[in-house]
Amino acid sequence: MLTNVHPKLPMRNKRVTREFYLSQLGFKDFGNVDYDGYLMLEKDQIQIHFFEFKELKPKENYGQVYIRTNNIDAFYKSLLENKTKIHPNGTLEIKPWGQKEFSILDPDNNLLTFGQNI
């Protein structure tokens, strides 16, 4: 019965969040309505939604999402070419649980982990 999940992550500044996801990760706007305090972005087959939380303290934010991909090497390379900062503890590697993964932090300290079955 379940078909999709669209995580909702906190953001302090809609313009900053939008710019990061569009320019650094290749997302695009979803929908044609600009909601006050809310942002919806998509890339390929996924969506991430964001809600405004101006008082968010990034060092206290533990928002996380795990995103599966079918070509992690090409995506990782594209981020490096775009000078996207990779999490210092999350460089591309094969994990003991059989996933090839890497991670980044967005401007609000939301952790995005990308993974592919090997």
C-alpha atoms as a PDB file:
ATOM      1  CA  MET A   1       0.000   0.000   0.000  1.00  0.00           C
ATOM      2  CA  LEU A   2       2.748   2.513   0.784  1.00  0.00           C
ATOM      3  CA  THR A   3       4.313   4.013  -2.330  1.00  0.00           C
ATOM      4  CA  ASN A   4       6.558   6.979  -1.423  1.00  0.00           C
ATOM      5  CA  VAL A   5       8.016   8.911   1.448  1.00  0.00           C
ATOM      6  CA  HIS A   6       8.820  12.625   1.392  1.00  0.00           C
ATOM      7  CA  PRO A   7      10.944  13.598   4.389  1.00  0.00           C
ATOM      8  CA  LYS A   8      10.383  16.979   6.005  1.00  0.00           C
ATOM      9  CA  LEU A   9      13.507  18.709   7.270  1.00  0.00           C
ATOM     10  CA  PRO A  10      13.908  21.982   9.171  1.00  0.00           C
ATOM     11  CA  MET A  11      15.369  25.083   7.521  1.00  0.00           C
ATOM     12  CA  ARG A  12      16.241  28.486   8.913  1.00  0.00           C
ATOM     13  CA  ASN A  13      16.235  30.408   5.643  1.00  0.00           C
ATOM     14  CA  LYS A  14      14.212  29.326   2.632  1.00  0.00           C
ATOM     15  CA  ARG A  15      16.359  31.209   0.112  1.00  0.00           C
ATOM     16  CA  VAL A  16      19.617  29.707   1.436  1.00  0.00           C
ATOM     17  CA  THR A  17      18.182  26.182   1.548  1.00  0.00           C
ATOM     18  CA  ARG A  18      16.694  26.447  -1.915  1.00  0.00           C
ATOM     19  CA  GLU A  19      19.935  27.803  -3.407  1.00  0.00           C
ATOM     20  CA  PHE A  20      22.024  25.024  -1.813  1.00  0.00           C
ATOM     21  CA  TYR A  21      19.832  22.198  -3.076  1.00  0.00           C
ATOM     22  CA  LEU A  22      19.427  23.685  -6.557  1.00  0.00           C
ATOM     23  CA  SER A  23      23.014  24.765  -7.186  1.00  0.00           C
ATOM     24  CA  GLN A  24      24.952  22.146  -5.223  1.00  0.00           C
ATOM     25  CA  LEU A  25      22.811  19.012  -5.554  1.00  0.00           C
ATOM     26  CA  GLY A  26      20.881  19.556  -8.775  1.00  0.00           C
ATOM     27  CA  PHE A  27      17.385  19.604  -7.279  1.00  0.00           C
ATOM     28  CA  LYS A  28      14.576  21.659  -8.785  1.00  0.00           C
ATOM     29  CA  ASP A  29      11.445  23.270  -7.403  1.00  0.00           C
ATOM     30  CA  PHE A  30       8.434  21.000  -7.026  1.00  0.00           C
ATOM     31  CA  GLY A  31       5.030  22.471  -7.790  1.00  0.00           C
ATOM     32  CA  ASN A  32       4.169  25.933  -8.931  1.00  0.00           C
ATOM     33  CA  VAL A  33       3.050  27.546  -5.672  1.00  0.00           C
ATOM     34  CA  ASP A  34       5.453  29.365  -3.358  1.00  0.00           C
ATOM     35  CA  TYR A  35       4.262  28.617   0.176  1.00  0.00           C
ATOM     36  CA  ASP A  36       5.314  30.918   2.979  1.00  0.00           C
ATOM     37  CA  GLY A  37       7.682  29.064   5.307  1.00  0.00           C
ATOM     38  CA  TYR A  38       7.585  25.832   3.303  1.00  0.00           C
ATOM     39  CA  LEU A  39       9.720  24.494   0.460  1.00  0.00           C
ATOM     40  CA  MET A  40       9.340  21.435  -1.770  1.00  0.00           C
ATOM     41  CA  LEU A  41      12.208  20.256  -3.956  1.00  0.00           C
ATOM     42  CA  GLU A  42      12.741  17.221  -6.174  1.00  0.00           C
ATOM     43  CA  LYS A  43      15.442  15.376  -8.039  1.00  0.00           C
ATOM     44  CA  ASP A  44      14.775  12.360 -10.201  1.00  0.00           C
ATOM     45  CA  GLN A  45      12.252  10.243  -8.262  1.00  0.00           C
ATOM     46  CA  ILE A  46      12.560  11.829  -4.807  1.00  0.00           C
ATOM     47  CA  GLN A  47      11.176  14.859  -3.029  1.00  0.00           C
ATOM     48  CA  ILE A  48      12.382  16.577   0.105  1.00  0.00           C
ATOM     49  CA  HIS A  49      10.150  19.054   1.897  1.00  0.00           C
ATOM     50  CA  PHE A  50      11.386  21.742   4.285  1.00  0.00           C
ATOM     51  CA  PHE A  51       9.581  23.656   7.009  1.00  0.00           C
ATOM     52  CA  GLU A  52      10.726  26.991   8.368  1.00  0.00           C
ATOM     53  CA  PHE A  53      12.302  26.870  11.816  1.00  0.00           C
ATOM     54  CA  LYS A  54      14.062  30.210  12.245  1.00  0.00           C
ATOM     55  CA  GLU A  55      15.185  29.440  15.807  1.00  0.00           C
ATOM     56  CA  LEU A  56      16.913  26.221  14.745  1.00  0.00           C
ATOM     57  CA  LYS A  57      20.382  25.835  16.184  1.00  0.00           C
ATOM     58  CA  PRO A  58      22.275  23.849  13.521  1.00  0.00           C
ATOM     59  CA  LYS A  59      24.587  22.170  16.042  1.00  0.00           C
ATOM     60  CA  GLU A  60      21.488  20.836  17.794  1.00  0.00           C
ATOM     61  CA  ASN A  61      19.801  19.634  14.602  1.00  0.00           C
ATOM     62  CA  TYR A  62      19.755  15.884  14.062  1.00  0.00           C
ATOM     63  CA  GLY A  63      17.624  15.865  10.902  1.00  0.00           C
ATOM     64  CA  GLN A  64      18.690  13.007   8.644  1.00  0.00           C
ATOM     65  CA  VAL A  65      17.562  11.323   5.466  1.00  0.00           C
ATOM     66  CA  TYR A  66      18.976   8.303   3.620  1.00  0.00           C
ATOM     67  CA  ILE A  67      18.658   8.495  -0.158  1.00  0.00           C
ATOM     68  CA  ARG A  68      19.222   5.472  -2.367  1.00  0.00           C
ATOM     69  CA  THR A  69      20.803   5.872  -5.781  1.00  0.00           C
ATOM     70  CA  ASN A  70      21.548   3.548  -8.683  1.00  0.00           C
ATOM     71  CA  ASN A  71      24.767   5.319  -9.757  1.00  0.00           C
ATOM     72  CA  ILE A  72      26.534   6.552  -6.659  1.00  0.00           C
ATOM     73  CA  ASP A  73      29.935   6.914  -8.317  1.00  0.00           C
ATOM     74  CA  ALA A  74      28.661   9.321 -10.987  1.00  0.00           C
ATOM     75  CA  PHE A  75      26.611  11.312  -8.466  1.00  0.00           C
ATOM     76  CA  TYR A  76      29.559  11.579  -6.062  1.00  0.00           C
ATOM     77  CA  LYS A  77      31.832  12.696  -8.915  1.00  0.00           C
ATOM     78  CA  SER A  78      29.304  15.342 -10.000  1.00  0.00           C
ATOM     79  CA  LEU A  79      29.185  16.755  -6.466  1.00  0.00           C
ATOM     80  CA  LEU A  80      32.966  16.891  -6.251  1.00  0.00           C
ATOM     81  CA  GLU A  81      33.115  18.664  -9.620  1.00  0.00           C
ATOM     82  CA  ASN A  82      30.538  21.131  -8.302  1.00  0.00           C
ATOM     83  CA  LYS A  83      32.714  21.673  -5.201  1.00  0.00           C
ATOM     84  CA  THR A  84      30.021  20.389  -2.860  1.00  0.00           C
ATOM     85  CA  LYS A  85      31.503  19.812   0.578  1.00  0.00           C
ATOM     86  CA  ILE A  86      31.440  16.135   1.566  1.00  0.00           C
ATOM     87  CA  HIS A  87      31.045  15.357   5.272  1.00  0.00           C
ATOM     88  CA  PRO A  88      34.548  14.768   6.723  1.00  0.00           C
ATOM     89  CA  ASN A  89      33.393  11.462   8.236  1.00  0.00           C
ATOM     90  CA  GLY A  90      31.268  10.525   5.234  1.00  0.00           C
ATOM     91  CA  THR A  91      33.471  10.145   2.191  1.00  0.00           C
ATOM     92  CA  LEU A  92      32.509   7.547  -0.402  1.00  0.00           C
ATOM     93  CA  GLU A  93      33.248   4.057   0.878  1.00  0.00           C
ATOM     94  CA  ILE A  94      31.868   0.554   1.077  1.00  0.00           C
ATOM     95  CA  LYS A  95      30.255  -0.069   4.443  1.00  0.00           C
ATOM     96  CA  PRO A  96      30.205  -3.419   6.289  1.00  0.00           C
ATOM     97  CA  TRP A  97      26.436  -3.650   5.724  1.00  0.00           C
ATOM     98  CA  GLY A  98      26.868  -3.934   1.959  1.00  0.00           C
ATOM     99  CA  GLN A  99      26.219  -0.350   0.909  1.00  0.00           C
ATOM    100  CA  LYS A 100      28.477   2.118  -0.882  1.00  0.00           C
ATOM    101  CA  GLU A 101      27.754   5.435   0.830  1.00  0.00           C
ATOM    102  CA  PHE A 102      28.742   9.039   1.382  1.00  0.00           C
ATOM    103  CA  SER A 103      27.227  11.933   3.339  1.00  0.00           C
ATOM    104  CA  ILE A 104      26.892  15.695   3.228  1.00  0.00           C
ATOM    105  CA  LEU A 105      25.458  18.337   5.536  1.00  0.00           C
ATOM    106  CA  ASP A 106      23.112  21.020   4.246  1.00  0.00           C
ATOM    107  CA  PRO A 107      23.240  24.629   5.536  1.00  0.00           C
ATOM    108  CA  ASP A 108      21.076  23.703   8.541  1.00  0.00           C
ATOM    109  CA  ASN A 109      23.104  20.634   9.507  1.00  0.00           C
ATOM    110  CA  ASN A 110      20.610  18.129   8.087  1.00  0.00           C
ATOM    111  CA  LEU A 111      22.582  14.986   7.267  1.00  0.00           C
ATOM    112  CA  LEU A 112      22.004  13.569   3.782  1.00  0.00           C
ATOM    113  CA  THR A 113      23.431  10.098   3.267  1.00  0.00           C
ATOM    114  CA  PHE A 114      23.443   8.639  -0.223  1.00  0.00           C
ATOM    115  CA  GLY A 115      23.779   4.896  -0.682  1.00  0.00           C
ATOM    116  CA  GLN A 116      23.755   2.134  -3.256  1.00  0.00           C
ATOM    117  CA  ASN A 117      23.660  -1.643  -2.886  1.00  0.00           C
ATOM    118  CA  ILE A 118      26.845  -3.309  -4.023  1.00  0.00           C
END
